[in-house]
């Protein structure tokens, strides 16, 4: 079966595939390594983490798309709420003794989230085995086109310095550099103004 770069709307049935893709994609991410420091259990824990936020939050309220080996979760302005109590409890169980650090990181980041209406790129990742095939780029273009059609800017937070030039290529600029508490990694808040079709 040929690899396809065409973004498809993700459904809850895609959870096993998406959680596996993202567990591989985020294995070397500084923030995920901080939340899940144990090499032996990280892949399983990340799989549970991504399954939870996908099935309980983003697939219900956001815009989730996937290709064969990449996935992206977007949140339009109306979908940028706090997870419900059950979701928070599930994440607490998955994170174990790192749950407090996670909560502090989320709280710190949320204080720096722009207040004006915007789309958020909650996360995007491609399986390392498929990187360089354009699947992440296809998902970025698809989501950005939706935000542009709504005339809204887009915000994201990157915890990986090497991804900053990639996002800059798609029109983002670093808005803020944020040090997470408790010895956590740096987050770069990035912002992209909406573009008219002629600007793309």
N, C-alpha and C. Protein backbone atom coordinates (compact mmCIF):
# COMPACT_ATOMS: atom_id res chain seq x y z
N UNK A 1 0.85 -1.19 0.00
CA UNK A 1 0.00 0.00 0.00
C UNK A 1 0.89 1.24 0.00
N UNK A 2 0.67 2.17 -0.94
CA UNK A 2 1.55 3.33 -1.02
C UNK A 2 1.32 4.27 0.17
N UNK A 3 2.39 4.96 0.56
CA UNK A 3 2.27 5.94 1.64
C UNK A 3 1.55 7.16 1.09
N UNK A 4 0.55 7.63 1.86
CA UNK A 4 -0.19 8.80 1.42
C UNK A 4 0.09 9.97 2.36
N UNK A 5 0.27 11.13 1.74
CA UNK A 5 0.46 12.36 2.50
C UNK A 5 -0.84 13.14 2.63
N UNK A 6 -1.93 12.60 2.14
CA UNK A 6 -3.19 13.34 2.14
C UNK A 6 -3.83 13.30 3.52
N UNK A 7 -4.00 14.46 4.17
CA UNK A 7 -4.61 14.46 5.50
C UNK A 7 -6.05 13.94 5.45
N UNK A 8 -6.36 13.12 6.43
CA UNK A 8 -7.71 12.59 6.60
C UNK A 8 -8.19 12.97 8.00
N UNK A 9 -9.49 13.21 8.14
CA UNK A 9 -10.04 13.46 9.47
C UNK A 9 -9.88 12.20 10.30
N UNK A 10 -9.33 12.36 11.50
CA UNK A 10 -9.14 11.21 12.39
C UNK A 10 -10.40 10.98 13.20
N UNK A 11 -10.71 9.71 13.44
CA UNK A 11 -11.85 9.34 14.27
C UNK A 11 -11.34 8.57 15.47
N UNK A 12 -12.23 8.34 16.41
CA UNK A 12 -11.84 7.64 17.64
C UNK A 12 -11.29 6.24 17.32
N UNK A 13 -11.73 5.65 16.21
CA UNK A 13 -11.24 4.32 15.83
C UNK A 13 -9.75 4.35 15.46
N UNK A 14 -9.23 5.54 15.16
CA UNK A 14 -7.82 5.67 14.80
C UNK A 14 -6.91 5.74 16.02
N UNK A 15 -7.48 5.72 17.21
CA UNK A 15 -6.68 5.92 18.43
C UNK A 15 -5.47 5.00 18.54
N UNK A 16 -5.58 3.69 18.28
CA UNK A 16 -4.39 2.83 18.42
C UNK A 16 -3.26 3.24 17.48
N UNK A 17 -3.60 3.57 16.23
CA UNK A 17 -2.58 3.96 15.25
C UNK A 17 -1.98 5.31 15.63
N UNK A 18 -2.83 6.26 15.96
CA UNK A 18 -2.36 7.61 16.29
C UNK A 18 -1.48 7.60 17.53
N UNK A 19 -1.90 6.86 18.56
CA UNK A 19 -1.10 6.85 19.80
C UNK A 19 0.27 6.20 19.55
N UNK A 20 0.32 5.21 18.67
CA UNK A 20 1.61 4.56 18.35
C UNK A 20 2.51 5.53 17.57
N UNK A 21 1.93 6.22 16.57
CA UNK A 21 2.70 7.21 15.79
C UNK A 21 3.28 8.27 16.72
N UNK A 22 2.44 8.81 17.59
CA UNK A 22 2.88 9.91 18.44
C UNK A 22 3.85 9.45 19.52
N UNK A 23 3.68 8.23 20.02
CA UNK A 23 4.64 7.71 21.00
C UNK A 23 6.03 7.63 20.39
N UNK A 24 6.11 7.21 19.13
CA UNK A 24 7.41 7.17 18.44
C UNK A 24 7.92 8.58 18.15
N UNK A 25 7.00 9.46 17.71
CA UNK A 25 7.39 10.82 17.31
C UNK A 25 7.93 11.62 18.49
N UNK A 26 7.37 11.41 19.68
CA UNK A 26 7.73 12.23 20.83
C UNK A 26 8.71 11.55 21.77
N UNK A 27 9.26 10.42 21.37
CA UNK A 27 10.18 9.70 22.25
C UNK A 27 11.40 10.55 22.63
N UNK A 28 11.85 11.41 21.71
CA UNK A 28 13.05 12.23 22.01
C UNK A 28 12.69 13.67 22.33
N UNK A 29 11.42 13.95 22.56
CA UNK A 29 10.99 15.32 22.86
C UNK A 29 11.39 15.68 24.30
N UNK A 30 12.07 16.82 24.50
CA UNK A 30 12.54 17.16 25.85
C UNK A 30 11.45 17.20 26.91
N UNK A 31 10.27 17.70 26.54
CA UNK A 31 9.21 17.78 27.55
C UNK A 31 8.67 16.39 27.88
N UNK A 32 8.49 15.55 26.88
CA UNK A 32 7.97 14.21 27.14
C UNK A 32 8.99 13.36 27.91
N UNK A 33 10.27 13.59 27.65
CA UNK A 33 11.30 12.87 28.42
C UNK A 33 11.34 13.36 29.87
N UNK A 34 10.95 14.60 30.07
CA UNK A 34 10.88 15.14 31.43
C UNK A 34 9.68 14.56 32.18
N UNK A 35 8.56 14.46 31.49
CA UNK A 35 7.36 13.88 32.12
C UNK A 35 7.49 12.37 32.30
N UNK A 36 8.16 11.72 31.34
CA UNK A 36 8.28 10.25 31.35
C UNK A 36 9.78 9.89 31.28
N UNK A 37 10.50 10.02 32.39
CA UNK A 37 11.96 9.87 32.34
C UNK A 37 12.47 8.45 32.21
N UNK A 38 11.61 7.46 32.45
CA UNK A 38 12.07 6.07 32.42
C UNK A 38 12.08 5.54 30.99
N UNK A 39 13.28 5.25 30.47
CA UNK A 39 13.40 4.77 29.09
C UNK A 39 12.60 3.50 28.84
N UNK A 40 12.59 2.59 29.83
CA UNK A 40 11.96 1.29 29.63
C UNK A 40 10.44 1.38 29.48
N UNK A 41 9.83 2.34 30.18
CA UNK A 41 8.36 2.41 30.16
C UNK A 41 7.82 3.57 29.34
N UNK A 42 8.71 4.40 28.76
CA UNK A 42 8.24 5.63 28.11
C UNK A 42 7.28 5.35 26.96
N UNK A 43 7.62 4.42 26.09
CA UNK A 43 6.76 4.20 24.91
C UNK A 43 5.34 3.81 25.31
N UNK A 44 5.22 2.91 26.29
CA UNK A 44 3.89 2.50 26.76
C UNK A 44 3.16 3.66 27.40
N UNK A 45 3.88 4.43 28.25
CA UNK A 45 3.26 5.55 28.93
C UNK A 45 2.82 6.63 27.94
N UNK A 46 3.67 6.92 26.95
CA UNK A 46 3.29 7.89 25.93
C UNK A 46 2.08 7.43 25.14
N UNK A 47 2.03 6.15 24.82
CA UNK A 47 0.87 5.62 24.11
C UNK A 47 -0.42 5.83 24.89
N UNK A 48 -0.38 5.59 26.19
CA UNK A 48 -1.55 5.81 27.05
C UNK A 48 -1.90 7.29 27.12
N UNK A 49 -0.87 8.11 27.25
CA UNK A 49 -1.07 9.56 27.35
C UNK A 49 -1.76 10.10 26.08
N UNK A 50 -1.23 9.74 24.91
CA UNK A 50 -1.81 10.26 23.67
C UNK A 50 -3.19 9.68 23.41
N UNK A 51 -3.41 8.42 23.77
CA UNK A 51 -4.75 7.84 23.63
C UNK A 51 -5.75 8.63 24.45
N UNK A 52 -5.36 8.97 25.67
CA UNK A 52 -6.28 9.69 26.57
C UNK A 52 -6.61 11.08 26.04
N UNK A 53 -5.60 11.87 25.68
CA UNK A 53 -5.92 13.23 25.25
C UNK A 53 -6.63 13.24 23.90
N UNK A 54 -6.35 12.24 23.05
CA UNK A 54 -7.02 12.16 21.76
C UNK A 54 -8.49 11.77 21.94
N UNK A 55 -8.74 10.67 22.65
CA UNK A 55 -10.11 10.15 22.73
C UNK A 55 -11.00 10.96 23.66
N UNK A 56 -10.42 11.55 24.68
CA UNK A 56 -11.25 12.23 25.67
C UNK A 56 -11.35 13.74 25.43
N UNK A 57 -10.42 14.29 24.65
CA UNK A 57 -10.43 15.74 24.49
C UNK A 57 -10.44 16.16 23.02
N UNK A 58 -9.35 15.91 22.30
CA UNK A 58 -9.21 16.55 20.99
C UNK A 58 -10.14 16.00 19.93
N UNK A 59 -10.39 14.68 19.91
CA UNK A 59 -11.28 14.16 18.86
C UNK A 59 -12.72 14.61 19.10
N UNK A 60 -13.04 14.97 20.33
CA UNK A 60 -14.40 15.42 20.66
C UNK A 60 -14.59 16.91 20.39
N UNK A 61 -13.55 17.71 20.68
CA UNK A 61 -13.73 19.16 20.65
C UNK A 61 -12.86 19.85 19.60
N UNK A 62 -11.81 19.20 19.16
CA UNK A 62 -10.87 19.86 18.26
C UNK A 62 -11.00 19.37 16.83
N UNK A 63 -9.93 19.59 16.08
CA UNK A 63 -9.82 19.11 14.70
C UNK A 63 -8.59 18.21 14.67
N UNK A 64 -8.82 16.92 14.44
CA UNK A 64 -7.73 15.94 14.42
C UNK A 64 -7.61 15.35 13.03
N UNK A 65 -6.38 15.38 12.52
CA UNK A 65 -6.14 14.83 11.19
C UNK A 65 -4.93 13.91 11.25
N UNK A 66 -4.88 13.00 10.28
CA UNK A 66 -3.75 12.07 10.22
C UNK A 66 -3.42 11.74 8.78
N UNK A 67 -2.19 11.29 8.58
CA UNK A 67 -1.79 10.65 7.34
C UNK A 67 -1.42 9.22 7.73
N UNK A 68 -0.70 8.52 6.88
CA UNK A 68 -0.33 7.14 7.23
C UNK A 68 0.60 7.08 8.44
N UNK A 69 1.44 8.10 8.61
CA UNK A 69 2.45 8.01 9.66
C UNK A 69 2.65 9.31 10.43
N UNK A 70 1.64 10.17 10.42
CA UNK A 70 1.72 11.43 11.16
C UNK A 70 0.32 11.81 11.64
N UNK A 71 0.28 12.64 12.67
CA UNK A 71 -1.01 13.10 13.21
C UNK A 71 -0.85 14.50 13.75
N UNK A 72 -1.96 15.25 13.74
CA UNK A 72 -1.97 16.61 14.28
C UNK A 72 -3.30 16.85 14.98
N UNK A 73 -3.23 17.53 16.13
CA UNK A 73 -4.42 17.92 16.88
C UNK A 73 -4.45 19.45 16.92
N UNK A 74 -5.57 20.02 16.47
CA UNK A 74 -5.77 21.47 16.46
C UNK A 74 -6.96 21.82 17.34
N UNK A 75 -6.91 23.01 17.94
CA UNK A 75 -8.03 23.48 18.75
C UNK A 75 -8.45 24.86 18.24
N UNK A 76 -9.65 24.94 17.62
CA UNK A 76 -10.19 26.26 17.28
C UNK A 76 -10.52 27.02 18.58
N UNK A 77 -10.82 28.32 18.48
CA UNK A 77 -11.05 29.10 19.70
C UNK A 77 -12.09 28.50 20.64
N UNK A 78 -13.16 27.97 20.07
CA UNK A 78 -14.25 27.45 20.91
C UNK A 78 -13.91 26.11 21.56
N UNK A 79 -12.81 25.50 21.18
CA UNK A 79 -12.45 24.16 21.70
C UNK A 79 -11.29 24.20 22.68
N UNK A 80 -10.90 25.40 23.12
CA UNK A 80 -9.72 25.51 23.96
C UNK A 80 -10.09 25.55 25.45
N UNK A 81 -10.78 24.51 25.87
CA UNK A 81 -11.19 24.42 27.27
C UNK A 81 -10.24 23.54 28.07
N UNK A 82 -10.48 23.53 29.37
CA UNK A 82 -9.69 22.69 30.28
C UNK A 82 -10.24 21.27 30.23
N UNK A 83 -9.38 20.24 30.27
CA UNK A 83 -9.91 18.86 30.28
C UNK A 83 -10.83 18.63 31.48
N UNK A 84 -11.81 17.75 31.30
CA UNK A 84 -12.73 17.47 32.41
C UNK A 84 -12.03 16.66 33.50
N UNK A 85 -12.72 16.51 34.62
CA UNK A 85 -12.12 15.89 35.82
C UNK A 85 -11.68 14.45 35.55
N UNK A 86 -12.48 13.71 34.77
CA UNK A 86 -12.12 12.31 34.48
C UNK A 86 -10.84 12.23 33.65
N UNK A 87 -10.71 13.13 32.69
CA UNK A 87 -9.50 13.16 31.86
C UNK A 87 -8.29 13.52 32.72
N UNK A 88 -8.45 14.51 33.58
CA UNK A 88 -7.36 14.90 34.47
C UNK A 88 -6.94 13.73 35.35
N UNK A 89 -7.93 12.97 35.85
CA UNK A 89 -7.61 11.82 36.70
C UNK A 89 -6.87 10.74 35.92
N UNK A 90 -7.30 10.49 34.68
CA UNK A 90 -6.60 9.49 33.84
C UNK A 90 -5.15 9.90 33.61
N UNK A 91 -4.95 11.20 33.30
CA UNK A 91 -3.59 11.68 33.06
C UNK A 91 -2.75 11.60 34.33
N UNK A 92 -3.36 11.88 35.47
CA UNK A 92 -2.66 11.78 36.76
C UNK A 92 -2.19 10.36 37.00
N UNK A 93 -3.07 9.39 36.70
CA UNK A 93 -2.71 7.97 36.87
C UNK A 93 -1.55 7.58 35.96
N UNK A 94 -1.57 8.07 34.72
CA UNK A 94 -0.52 7.73 33.75
C UNK A 94 0.82 8.35 34.17
N UNK A 95 0.76 9.60 34.65
CA UNK A 95 1.98 10.33 34.99
C UNK A 95 2.58 9.93 36.34
N UNK A 96 1.77 9.36 37.22
CA UNK A 96 2.28 8.89 38.51
C UNK A 96 2.93 10.02 39.29
N UNK A 97 4.18 9.81 39.72
CA UNK A 97 4.84 10.82 40.55
C UNK A 97 5.27 12.06 39.77
N UNK A 98 5.06 12.07 38.46
CA UNK A 98 5.35 13.27 37.66
C UNK A 98 4.09 14.12 37.45
N UNK A 99 2.97 13.70 38.02
CA UNK A 99 1.70 14.39 37.77
C UNK A 99 1.73 15.83 38.27
N UNK A 100 2.36 16.07 39.42
CA UNK A 100 2.40 17.43 39.94
C UNK A 100 3.23 18.34 39.02
N UNK A 101 4.37 17.82 38.55
CA UNK A 101 5.19 18.59 37.60
C UNK A 101 4.38 18.92 36.35
N UNK A 102 3.63 17.94 35.87
CA UNK A 102 2.81 18.14 34.67
C UNK A 102 1.79 19.25 34.92
N UNK A 103 1.11 19.18 36.07
CA UNK A 103 0.11 20.20 36.40
C UNK A 103 0.72 21.59 36.47
N UNK A 104 1.90 21.70 37.09
CA UNK A 104 2.56 22.99 37.19
C UNK A 104 2.98 23.51 35.82
N UNK A 105 3.43 22.61 34.96
CA UNK A 105 3.84 23.00 33.61
C UNK A 105 2.65 23.51 32.81
N UNK A 106 1.53 22.78 32.89
CA UNK A 106 0.32 23.19 32.16
C UNK A 106 -0.16 24.55 32.67
N UNK A 107 -0.15 24.72 33.99
CA UNK A 107 -0.60 25.98 34.58
C UNK A 107 0.30 27.14 34.16
N UNK A 108 1.61 26.92 34.18
CA UNK A 108 2.56 27.96 33.77
C UNK A 108 2.35 28.34 32.31
N UNK A 109 2.25 27.32 31.45
CA UNK A 109 2.07 27.60 30.02
C UNK A 109 0.76 28.32 29.76
N UNK A 110 -0.30 27.93 30.48
CA UNK A 110 -1.61 28.53 30.21
C UNK A 110 -1.63 30.02 30.55
N UNK A 111 -0.79 30.44 31.51
CA UNK A 111 -0.72 31.87 31.86
C UNK A 111 -0.12 32.69 30.73
N UNK A 112 0.60 32.03 29.82
CA UNK A 112 1.26 32.73 28.72
C UNK A 112 0.53 32.54 27.39
N UNK A 113 -0.59 31.81 27.41
CA UNK A 113 -1.35 31.61 26.18
C UNK A 113 -2.00 32.92 25.76
N UNK A 114 -1.88 33.30 24.50
CA UNK A 114 -2.50 34.55 24.04
C UNK A 114 -4.00 34.58 24.33
N UNK A 115 -4.49 35.75 24.66
CA UNK A 115 -5.91 35.89 25.04
C UNK A 115 -6.81 36.14 23.83
N UNK A 116 -6.26 36.70 22.76
CA UNK A 116 -7.10 37.00 21.61
C UNK A 116 -7.53 35.69 20.92
N UNK A 117 -8.68 35.69 20.24
CA UNK A 117 -9.15 34.47 19.58
C UNK A 117 -8.09 33.94 18.60
N UNK A 118 -7.86 32.64 18.65
CA UNK A 118 -6.86 32.04 17.76
C UNK A 118 -7.08 30.53 17.70
N UNK A 119 -6.47 29.92 16.71
CA UNK A 119 -6.37 28.47 16.66
C UNK A 119 -5.09 28.07 17.39
N UNK A 120 -5.11 26.90 18.00
CA UNK A 120 -3.89 26.34 18.60
C UNK A 120 -3.52 25.05 17.89
N UNK A 121 -2.24 24.91 17.57
CA UNK A 121 -1.72 23.62 17.14
C UNK A 121 -1.29 22.91 18.42
N UNK A 122 -2.14 22.03 18.92
CA UNK A 122 -1.88 21.38 20.20
C UNK A 122 -0.68 20.45 20.10
N UNK A 123 -0.63 19.68 19.02
CA UNK A 123 0.55 18.84 18.78
C UNK A 123 0.53 18.31 17.36
N UNK A 124 1.73 18.01 16.89
CA UNK A 124 1.90 17.40 15.57
C UNK A 124 3.14 16.52 15.65
N UNK A 125 3.07 15.34 15.05
CA UNK A 125 4.21 14.46 15.07
C UNK A 125 4.15 13.44 13.95
N UNK A 126 5.31 13.06 13.48
CA UNK A 126 5.43 12.01 12.47
C UNK A 126 6.33 10.91 13.02
N UNK A 127 6.00 9.70 12.69
CA UNK A 127 6.86 8.58 13.07
C UNK A 127 8.25 8.82 12.47
N UNK A 128 9.32 8.71 13.27
CA UNK A 128 10.66 8.97 12.74
C UNK A 128 10.99 8.16 11.49
N UNK A 129 10.40 6.96 11.38
CA UNK A 129 10.67 6.13 10.20
C UNK A 129 10.11 6.76 8.93
N UNK A 130 9.17 7.70 9.07
CA UNK A 130 8.55 8.33 7.89
C UNK A 130 8.90 9.81 7.77
N UNK A 131 9.76 10.32 8.65
CA UNK A 131 10.09 11.73 8.56
C UNK A 131 10.84 12.02 7.27
N UNK A 132 10.61 13.22 6.75
CA UNK A 132 11.22 13.61 5.49
C UNK A 132 10.37 13.27 4.28
N UNK A 133 9.20 12.67 4.51
CA UNK A 133 8.31 12.30 3.41
C UNK A 133 7.19 13.31 3.20
N UNK A 134 7.19 14.39 4.00
CA UNK A 134 6.21 15.45 3.79
C UNK A 134 4.89 15.26 4.50
N UNK A 135 4.79 14.24 5.35
CA UNK A 135 3.49 13.98 5.98
C UNK A 135 3.16 15.04 7.03
N UNK A 136 4.16 15.44 7.84
CA UNK A 136 3.92 16.50 8.81
C UNK A 136 3.61 17.82 8.12
N UNK A 137 4.34 18.12 7.05
CA UNK A 137 4.09 19.34 6.30
C UNK A 137 2.68 19.39 5.73
N UNK A 138 2.20 18.26 5.24
CA UNK A 138 0.83 18.20 4.69
C UNK A 138 -0.19 18.50 5.77
N UNK A 139 0.04 17.97 6.98
CA UNK A 139 -0.89 18.22 8.09
C UNK A 139 -0.82 19.68 8.53
N UNK A 140 0.38 20.25 8.55
CA UNK A 140 0.51 21.67 8.91
C UNK A 140 -0.25 22.55 7.92
N UNK A 141 -0.04 22.29 6.63
CA UNK A 141 -0.72 23.11 5.62
C UNK A 141 -2.23 22.99 5.72
N UNK A 142 -2.71 21.79 6.00
CA UNK A 142 -4.15 21.56 6.08
C UNK A 142 -4.77 22.35 7.24
N UNK A 143 -4.15 22.27 8.42
CA UNK A 143 -4.68 23.00 9.57
C UNK A 143 -4.56 24.50 9.42
N UNK A 144 -3.41 24.95 8.89
CA UNK A 144 -3.22 26.39 8.70
C UNK A 144 -4.23 26.95 7.70
N UNK A 145 -4.57 26.17 6.69
CA UNK A 145 -5.57 26.63 5.72
C UNK A 145 -6.92 26.84 6.39
N UNK A 146 -7.26 25.99 7.34
CA UNK A 146 -8.53 26.14 8.07
C UNK A 146 -8.52 27.40 8.92
N UNK A 147 -7.38 27.64 9.61
CA UNK A 147 -7.28 28.86 10.41
C UNK A 147 -7.31 30.11 9.52
N UNK A 148 -6.62 30.04 8.38
CA UNK A 148 -6.62 31.17 7.45
C UNK A 148 -8.03 31.44 6.93
N UNK A 149 -8.77 30.37 6.64
CA UNK A 149 -10.14 30.53 6.13
C UNK A 149 -11.03 31.22 7.16
N UNK A 150 -10.72 30.99 8.44
CA UNK A 150 -11.47 31.64 9.51
C UNK A 150 -10.92 33.02 9.83
N UNK A 151 -9.80 33.39 9.17
CA UNK A 151 -9.20 34.69 9.41
C UNK A 151 -8.55 34.81 10.78
N UNK A 152 -8.08 33.68 11.32
CA UNK A 152 -7.56 33.68 12.68
C UNK A 152 -6.07 33.31 12.73
N UNK A 153 -5.34 33.91 13.69
CA UNK A 153 -3.95 33.53 13.89
C UNK A 153 -3.84 32.15 14.54
N UNK A 154 -2.62 31.61 14.58
CA UNK A 154 -2.37 30.29 15.16
C UNK A 154 -1.24 30.40 16.18
N UNK A 155 -1.41 29.70 17.29
CA UNK A 155 -0.41 29.67 18.35
C UNK A 155 0.03 28.23 18.58
N UNK A 156 1.30 28.04 18.87
CA UNK A 156 1.80 26.73 19.25
C UNK A 156 2.91 26.90 20.27
N UNK A 157 3.20 25.82 20.98
CA UNK A 157 4.33 25.78 21.90
C UNK A 157 5.23 24.63 21.50
N UNK A 158 6.49 24.94 21.25
CA UNK A 158 7.47 23.91 20.88
C UNK A 158 8.44 23.72 22.03
N UNK A 159 8.71 22.47 22.37
CA UNK A 159 9.72 22.20 23.40
C UNK A 159 10.99 21.63 22.78
N UNK A 160 11.07 21.71 21.45
CA UNK A 160 12.23 21.18 20.74
C UNK A 160 12.81 22.27 19.85
N UNK A 161 14.01 22.73 20.20
CA UNK A 161 14.62 23.85 19.47
C UNK A 161 14.75 23.56 17.98
N UNK A 162 15.03 22.31 17.64
CA UNK A 162 15.24 21.97 16.22
C UNK A 162 13.98 22.11 15.38
N UNK A 163 12.81 22.19 16.03
CA UNK A 163 11.57 22.35 15.27
C UNK A 163 11.26 23.82 14.95
N UNK A 164 11.94 24.74 15.63
CA UNK A 164 11.63 26.16 15.44
C UNK A 164 11.79 26.59 13.98
N UNK A 165 12.91 26.25 13.29
CA UNK A 165 13.04 26.66 11.88
C UNK A 165 11.95 26.06 10.99
N UNK A 166 11.48 24.86 11.33
CA UNK A 166 10.40 24.24 10.55
C UNK A 166 9.15 25.10 10.65
N UNK A 167 8.80 25.48 11.88
CA UNK A 167 7.61 26.31 12.06
C UNK A 167 7.80 27.69 11.45
N UNK A 168 9.01 28.24 11.54
CA UNK A 168 9.26 29.54 10.91
C UNK A 168 9.04 29.48 9.41
N UNK A 169 9.39 28.34 8.79
CA UNK A 169 9.17 28.15 7.36
C UNK A 169 7.68 28.27 7.00
N UNK A 170 6.82 27.90 7.96
CA UNK A 170 5.37 27.96 7.73
C UNK A 170 4.76 29.27 8.24
N UNK A 171 5.61 30.26 8.55
CA UNK A 171 5.10 31.58 8.88
C UNK A 171 5.00 31.91 10.35
N UNK A 172 5.44 31.00 11.23
CA UNK A 172 5.41 31.28 12.66
C UNK A 172 6.64 32.10 13.06
N UNK A 173 6.49 32.86 14.13
CA UNK A 173 7.62 33.59 14.73
C UNK A 173 7.60 33.34 16.23
N UNK A 174 8.78 33.24 16.82
CA UNK A 174 8.85 33.06 18.27
C UNK A 174 8.31 34.31 18.94
N UNK A 175 7.35 34.10 19.82
CA UNK A 175 6.71 35.19 20.55
C UNK A 175 7.25 35.30 21.97
N UNK A 176 7.62 34.14 22.53
CA UNK A 176 8.06 34.12 23.92
C UNK A 176 8.87 32.85 24.19
N UNK A 177 9.86 32.97 25.05
CA UNK A 177 10.62 31.81 25.51
C UNK A 177 10.29 31.63 26.98
N UNK A 178 9.85 30.44 27.34
CA UNK A 178 9.30 30.21 28.67
C UNK A 178 10.03 29.04 29.34
N UNK A 179 10.57 29.27 30.52
CA UNK A 179 11.23 28.20 31.28
C UNK A 179 10.20 27.55 32.19
N UNK A 180 9.99 26.25 32.04
CA UNK A 180 9.03 25.57 32.89
C UNK A 180 9.59 25.39 34.29
N UNK A 181 8.73 25.39 35.30
CA UNK A 181 9.20 25.28 36.68
C UNK A 181 9.72 23.88 37.00
N UNK A 182 10.42 23.77 38.11
CA UNK A 182 10.88 22.46 38.58
C UNK A 182 12.00 21.87 37.76
N UNK A 183 12.77 22.74 37.09
CA UNK A 183 13.87 22.24 36.27
C UNK A 183 13.43 21.69 34.93
N UNK A 184 12.25 22.09 34.49
CA UNK A 184 11.71 21.60 33.22
C UNK A 184 12.37 22.25 32.02
N UNK A 185 12.02 21.78 30.84
CA UNK A 185 12.63 22.32 29.62
C UNK A 185 12.07 23.70 29.27
N UNK A 186 12.67 24.30 28.26
CA UNK A 186 12.20 25.57 27.73
C UNK A 186 11.08 25.30 26.72
N UNK A 187 10.07 26.16 26.76
CA UNK A 187 9.02 26.15 25.74
C UNK A 187 9.13 27.43 24.92
N UNK A 188 8.98 27.31 23.62
CA UNK A 188 8.95 28.49 22.76
C UNK A 188 7.52 28.68 22.29
N UNK A 189 6.91 29.79 22.70
CA UNK A 189 5.59 30.13 22.19
C UNK A 189 5.75 30.77 20.83
N UNK A 190 5.02 30.26 19.84
CA UNK A 190 5.16 30.76 18.47
C UNK A 190 3.80 31.18 17.93
N UNK A 191 3.81 32.21 17.09
CA UNK A 191 2.59 32.86 16.63
C UNK A 191 2.65 33.05 15.12
N UNK A 192 1.52 32.86 14.49
CA UNK A 192 1.43 33.06 13.03
C UNK A 192 0.17 33.85 12.73
N UNK A 193 0.33 34.98 12.08
CA UNK A 193 -0.83 35.78 11.67
C UNK A 193 -1.55 35.08 10.52
N UNK A 194 -2.86 35.30 10.42
CA UNK A 194 -3.59 34.67 9.30
C UNK A 194 -3.13 35.22 7.95
N UNK A 195 -3.24 34.39 6.96
CA UNK A 195 -2.85 34.80 5.61
C UNK A 195 -4.07 34.72 4.69
N UNK A 196 -4.12 35.65 3.80
CA UNK A 196 -5.13 35.55 2.73
C UNK A 196 -4.62 34.54 1.72
N UNK A 197 -5.50 33.95 0.94
CA UNK A 197 -5.06 32.93 -0.02
C UNK A 197 -3.90 33.38 -0.91
N UNK A 198 -3.87 34.66 -1.28
CA UNK A 198 -2.80 35.15 -2.15
C UNK A 198 -1.45 35.19 -1.44
N UNK A 199 -1.49 35.21 -0.10
CA UNK A 199 -0.24 35.30 0.67
C UNK A 199 0.45 33.96 0.80
N UNK A 200 -0.29 32.86 0.63
CA UNK A 200 0.26 31.54 0.95
C UNK A 200 1.32 31.11 -0.03
